[in-house]
N, C-alpha and C. Protein backbone atom coordinates (compact mmCIF):
# COMPACT_ATOMS: atom_id res chain seq x y z
N MET A 1 110.07 143.73 128.23
CA MET A 1 111.01 142.91 127.51
C MET A 1 110.46 141.49 127.32
N TYR A 2 109.94 140.93 128.46
CA TYR A 2 109.37 139.57 128.37
C TYR A 2 108.24 139.44 127.38
N SER A 3 107.38 140.47 127.34
CA SER A 3 106.25 140.40 126.44
C SER A 3 106.68 140.52 124.95
N VAL A 4 107.69 141.25 124.69
CA VAL A 4 108.24 141.36 123.32
C VAL A 4 108.78 140.01 122.87
N ILE A 5 109.58 139.38 123.73
CA ILE A 5 110.16 138.05 123.41
C ILE A 5 109.02 137.02 123.27
N ASN A 6 108.03 137.10 124.13
CA ASN A 6 106.94 136.13 124.08
C ASN A 6 106.12 136.31 122.75
N ARG A 7 105.89 137.55 122.37
CA ARG A 7 105.20 137.74 121.10
C ARG A 7 106.05 137.29 119.92
N LEU A 8 107.32 137.52 119.97
CA LEU A 8 108.25 137.10 118.93
C LEU A 8 108.24 135.56 118.79
N LEU A 9 108.33 134.89 119.93
CA LEU A 9 108.32 133.38 119.92
C LEU A 9 106.99 132.88 119.46
N THR A 10 105.91 133.56 119.80
CA THR A 10 104.56 133.11 119.37
C THR A 10 104.46 133.25 117.87
N LYS A 11 104.96 134.38 117.36
CA LYS A 11 104.91 134.59 115.89
C LYS A 11 105.74 133.52 115.16
N ILE A 12 106.94 133.23 115.67
CA ILE A 12 107.80 132.25 115.05
C ILE A 12 107.14 130.86 115.09
N ASN A 13 106.52 130.53 116.21
CA ASN A 13 105.82 129.27 116.35
C ASN A 13 104.68 129.19 115.35
N PHE A 14 103.93 130.28 115.19
CA PHE A 14 102.80 130.29 114.21
C PHE A 14 103.33 130.09 112.79
N GLU A 15 104.41 130.79 112.47
CA GLU A 15 105.02 130.65 111.13
C GLU A 15 105.52 129.23 110.87
N MET A 16 106.11 128.59 111.88
CA MET A 16 106.54 127.20 111.73
C MET A 16 105.36 126.25 111.50
N LYS A 17 104.25 126.52 112.18
CA LYS A 17 103.08 125.69 111.97
C LYS A 17 102.56 125.83 110.54
N LYS A 18 102.52 127.07 110.07
CA LYS A 18 102.08 127.30 108.71
C LYS A 18 102.98 126.63 107.70
N LEU A 19 104.30 126.71 107.94
CA LEU A 19 105.28 126.08 107.02
C LEU A 19 105.11 124.54 107.08
N SER A 20 104.89 124.01 108.24
CA SER A 20 104.68 122.53 108.37
C SER A 20 103.41 122.12 107.62
N LEU A 21 102.38 122.87 107.73
CA LEU A 21 101.15 122.52 107.00
C LEU A 21 101.30 122.66 105.52
N LEU A 22 102.01 123.69 105.10
CA LEU A 22 102.31 123.84 103.68
C LEU A 22 103.13 122.67 103.11
N LEU A 23 104.17 122.28 103.80
CA LEU A 23 104.98 121.17 103.35
C LEU A 23 104.22 119.87 103.37
N ALA A 24 103.36 119.64 104.34
CA ALA A 24 102.54 118.47 104.38
C ALA A 24 101.58 118.45 103.19
N GLY A 25 101.02 119.62 102.86
CA GLY A 25 100.11 119.72 101.70
C GLY A 25 100.84 119.41 100.40
N VAL A 26 102.02 119.94 100.24
CA VAL A 26 102.83 119.69 99.05
C VAL A 26 103.16 118.22 98.95
N ALA A 27 103.56 117.61 100.03
CA ALA A 27 103.87 116.18 100.04
C ALA A 27 102.65 115.35 99.67
N LEU A 28 101.52 115.66 100.18
CA LEU A 28 100.28 114.99 99.86
C LEU A 28 99.93 115.13 98.39
N VAL A 29 100.07 116.25 97.82
CA VAL A 29 99.76 116.47 96.39
C VAL A 29 100.76 115.63 95.56
N ALA A 30 102.04 115.68 95.93
CA ALA A 30 103.03 114.96 95.18
C ALA A 30 102.78 113.45 95.26
N PHE A 31 102.40 112.97 96.42
CA PHE A 31 102.10 111.56 96.59
C PHE A 31 100.87 111.12 95.80
N SER A 32 99.92 112.00 95.65
CA SER A 32 98.73 111.62 94.96
C SER A 32 98.95 111.45 93.44
N PHE A 33 100.06 112.07 92.91
CA PHE A 33 100.33 111.92 91.52
C PHE A 33 101.16 110.66 91.21
N THR A 34 101.68 110.02 92.21
CA THR A 34 102.40 108.76 92.02
C THR A 34 101.40 107.63 92.02
N SER A 35 101.76 106.57 91.36
CA SER A 35 100.84 105.41 91.35
C SER A 35 101.65 104.17 91.67
N CYS A 36 100.95 103.12 91.97
CA CYS A 36 101.59 101.85 92.33
C CYS A 36 101.60 100.97 91.06
N LYS A 37 101.78 101.55 89.92
CA LYS A 37 101.79 100.77 88.69
C LYS A 37 103.18 100.25 88.47
N LYS A 38 103.29 98.96 88.14
CA LYS A 38 104.55 98.33 87.90
C LYS A 38 104.43 97.40 86.70
N ASP A 39 105.53 96.83 86.29
CA ASP A 39 105.53 95.83 85.24
C ASP A 39 105.52 94.47 85.88
N TYR A 40 104.64 93.59 85.35
CA TYR A 40 104.50 92.20 85.83
C TYR A 40 104.66 91.23 84.67
N THR A 41 104.88 89.99 84.99
CA THR A 41 104.90 88.93 84.00
C THR A 41 103.90 87.88 84.38
N CYS A 42 103.06 87.51 83.44
CA CYS A 42 102.11 86.43 83.64
C CYS A 42 102.67 85.19 82.92
N THR A 43 103.08 84.21 83.68
CA THR A 43 103.70 82.99 83.13
C THR A 43 102.68 81.87 83.14
N CYS A 44 102.42 81.32 81.96
CA CYS A 44 101.45 80.25 81.82
C CYS A 44 102.13 78.92 81.40
N ALA A 45 101.68 77.85 81.99
CA ALA A 45 102.19 76.53 81.62
C ALA A 45 100.93 75.62 81.43
N PHE A 46 100.73 75.17 80.22
CA PHE A 46 99.58 74.31 79.89
C PHE A 46 99.97 73.10 79.16
N THR A 47 99.09 72.11 79.25
CA THR A 47 99.26 70.90 78.38
C THR A 47 97.96 70.73 77.69
N TYR A 48 98.10 70.12 76.44
CA TYR A 48 96.91 69.76 75.68
C TYR A 48 97.23 68.46 74.99
N GLY A 49 96.67 67.41 75.55
CA GLY A 49 97.04 66.08 75.02
C GLY A 49 98.51 65.80 75.33
N ASP A 50 99.30 65.49 74.33
CA ASP A 50 100.72 65.19 74.48
C ASP A 50 101.59 66.47 74.34
N TYR A 51 101.01 67.56 74.14
CA TYR A 51 101.78 68.79 73.91
C TYR A 51 101.77 69.69 75.19
N SER A 52 102.89 70.33 75.38
CA SER A 52 102.95 71.30 76.49
C SER A 52 103.36 72.66 75.98
N TYR A 53 102.75 73.64 76.57
CA TYR A 53 102.97 75.03 76.11
C TYR A 53 103.36 75.91 77.30
N ASP A 54 104.37 76.69 77.09
CA ASP A 54 104.77 77.67 78.11
C ASP A 54 104.79 79.02 77.49
N TYR A 55 104.07 79.96 78.14
CA TYR A 55 103.96 81.31 77.61
C TYR A 55 104.26 82.31 78.69
N SER A 56 104.78 83.45 78.35
CA SER A 56 104.99 84.56 79.27
C SER A 56 104.43 85.81 78.59
N TYR A 57 103.60 86.53 79.35
CA TYR A 57 103.00 87.77 78.88
C TYR A 57 103.51 88.91 79.76
N GLU A 58 104.02 89.93 79.14
CA GLU A 58 104.45 91.12 79.88
C GLU A 58 103.26 92.04 80.11
N LEU A 59 103.02 92.34 81.30
CA LEU A 59 101.94 93.25 81.70
C LEU A 59 102.57 94.52 82.21
N LEU A 60 102.55 95.55 81.34
CA LEU A 60 103.34 96.77 81.64
C LEU A 60 102.46 97.85 82.30
N LYS A 61 103.11 98.45 83.31
CA LYS A 61 102.48 99.57 84.05
C LYS A 61 101.04 99.32 84.46
N MET A 62 100.91 98.28 85.26
CA MET A 62 99.58 97.93 85.78
C MET A 62 99.62 97.88 87.32
N LYS A 63 98.48 98.14 87.89
CA LYS A 63 98.30 97.92 89.30
C LYS A 63 98.26 96.43 89.54
N LYS A 64 98.71 95.98 90.72
CA LYS A 64 98.77 94.55 90.95
C LYS A 64 97.45 93.83 90.85
N GLY A 65 96.39 94.42 91.32
CA GLY A 65 95.09 93.80 91.18
C GLY A 65 94.67 93.63 89.75
N ASP A 66 94.95 94.64 88.92
CA ASP A 66 94.60 94.55 87.47
C ASP A 66 95.49 93.49 86.80
N ALA A 67 96.74 93.42 87.18
CA ALA A 67 97.62 92.40 86.59
C ALA A 67 97.17 90.98 87.01
N GLU A 68 96.76 90.81 88.24
CA GLU A 68 96.23 89.52 88.67
C GLU A 68 94.98 89.14 87.90
N ASP A 69 94.09 90.13 87.70
CA ASP A 69 92.86 89.86 86.94
C ASP A 69 93.17 89.45 85.52
N THR A 70 94.12 90.16 84.87
CA THR A 70 94.47 89.85 83.54
C THR A 70 95.08 88.47 83.42
N CYS A 71 95.97 88.11 84.34
CA CYS A 71 96.61 86.79 84.36
C CYS A 71 95.52 85.70 84.52
N THR A 72 94.57 85.99 85.43
CA THR A 72 93.52 85.00 85.63
C THR A 72 92.66 84.81 84.37
N GLU A 73 92.43 85.95 83.65
CA GLU A 73 91.66 85.84 82.41
C GLU A 73 92.41 85.01 81.36
N TRP A 74 93.74 85.13 81.28
CA TRP A 74 94.50 84.28 80.36
C TRP A 74 94.32 82.83 80.75
N SER A 75 94.43 82.53 82.03
CA SER A 75 94.33 81.18 82.52
C SER A 75 92.94 80.63 82.19
N ASP A 76 91.91 81.40 82.45
CA ASP A 76 90.54 80.98 82.13
C ASP A 76 90.33 80.77 80.61
N TYR A 77 90.98 81.57 79.83
CA TYR A 77 90.86 81.43 78.36
C TYR A 77 91.37 80.06 77.91
N TYR A 78 92.56 79.70 78.41
CA TYR A 78 93.09 78.40 78.03
C TYR A 78 92.31 77.23 78.58
N LEU A 79 91.85 77.35 79.80
CA LEU A 79 91.06 76.34 80.40
C LEU A 79 89.75 76.08 79.62
N ALA A 80 89.17 77.15 79.14
CA ALA A 80 87.91 77.06 78.36
C ALA A 80 88.07 76.27 77.08
N TYR A 81 89.31 76.25 76.57
CA TYR A 81 89.56 75.51 75.34
C TYR A 81 90.14 74.10 75.59
N GLY A 82 90.07 73.56 76.76
CA GLY A 82 90.42 72.26 77.08
C GLY A 82 91.87 72.04 77.53
N TYR A 83 92.63 73.12 77.63
CA TYR A 83 94.01 72.97 78.11
C TYR A 83 93.97 72.70 79.64
N GLU A 84 95.05 72.07 80.10
CA GLU A 84 95.19 71.86 81.52
C GLU A 84 96.45 72.58 82.00
N GLY A 85 96.33 73.31 83.09
CA GLY A 85 97.44 74.06 83.60
C GLY A 85 97.00 75.33 84.28
N GLU A 86 97.90 76.31 84.38
CA GLU A 86 97.55 77.52 85.03
C GLU A 86 98.52 78.63 84.63
N CYS A 87 98.15 79.86 84.96
CA CYS A 87 98.98 81.04 84.80
C CYS A 87 99.26 81.60 86.17
N THR A 88 100.45 82.08 86.42
CA THR A 88 100.83 82.69 87.63
C THR A 88 101.45 84.04 87.38
N LEU A 89 101.25 84.96 88.30
CA LEU A 89 101.78 86.30 88.20
C LEU A 89 103.16 86.37 88.85
N ASP A 90 104.15 86.81 88.14
CA ASP A 90 105.47 86.96 88.71
C ASP A 90 105.79 88.43 88.88
């Protein structure tokens, strides 16, 4: 009787381990399809002589690093043309 119960418990334990691994695999696959892409706003404030300019650019569905790079590129663009100021990522 003991050996029958022991085999049954061993089989149940093995099936639970298989189920746990299967669920972990499904969760991993589901997580890999999600991304950390969000919407960001690049807000720029510049002056050129007596004029001041405020701009906001919507950066849609971007990773944070890509959004930061894009906002920096906007800032560098204005600075290259003699504007003073900066762009910040919101």
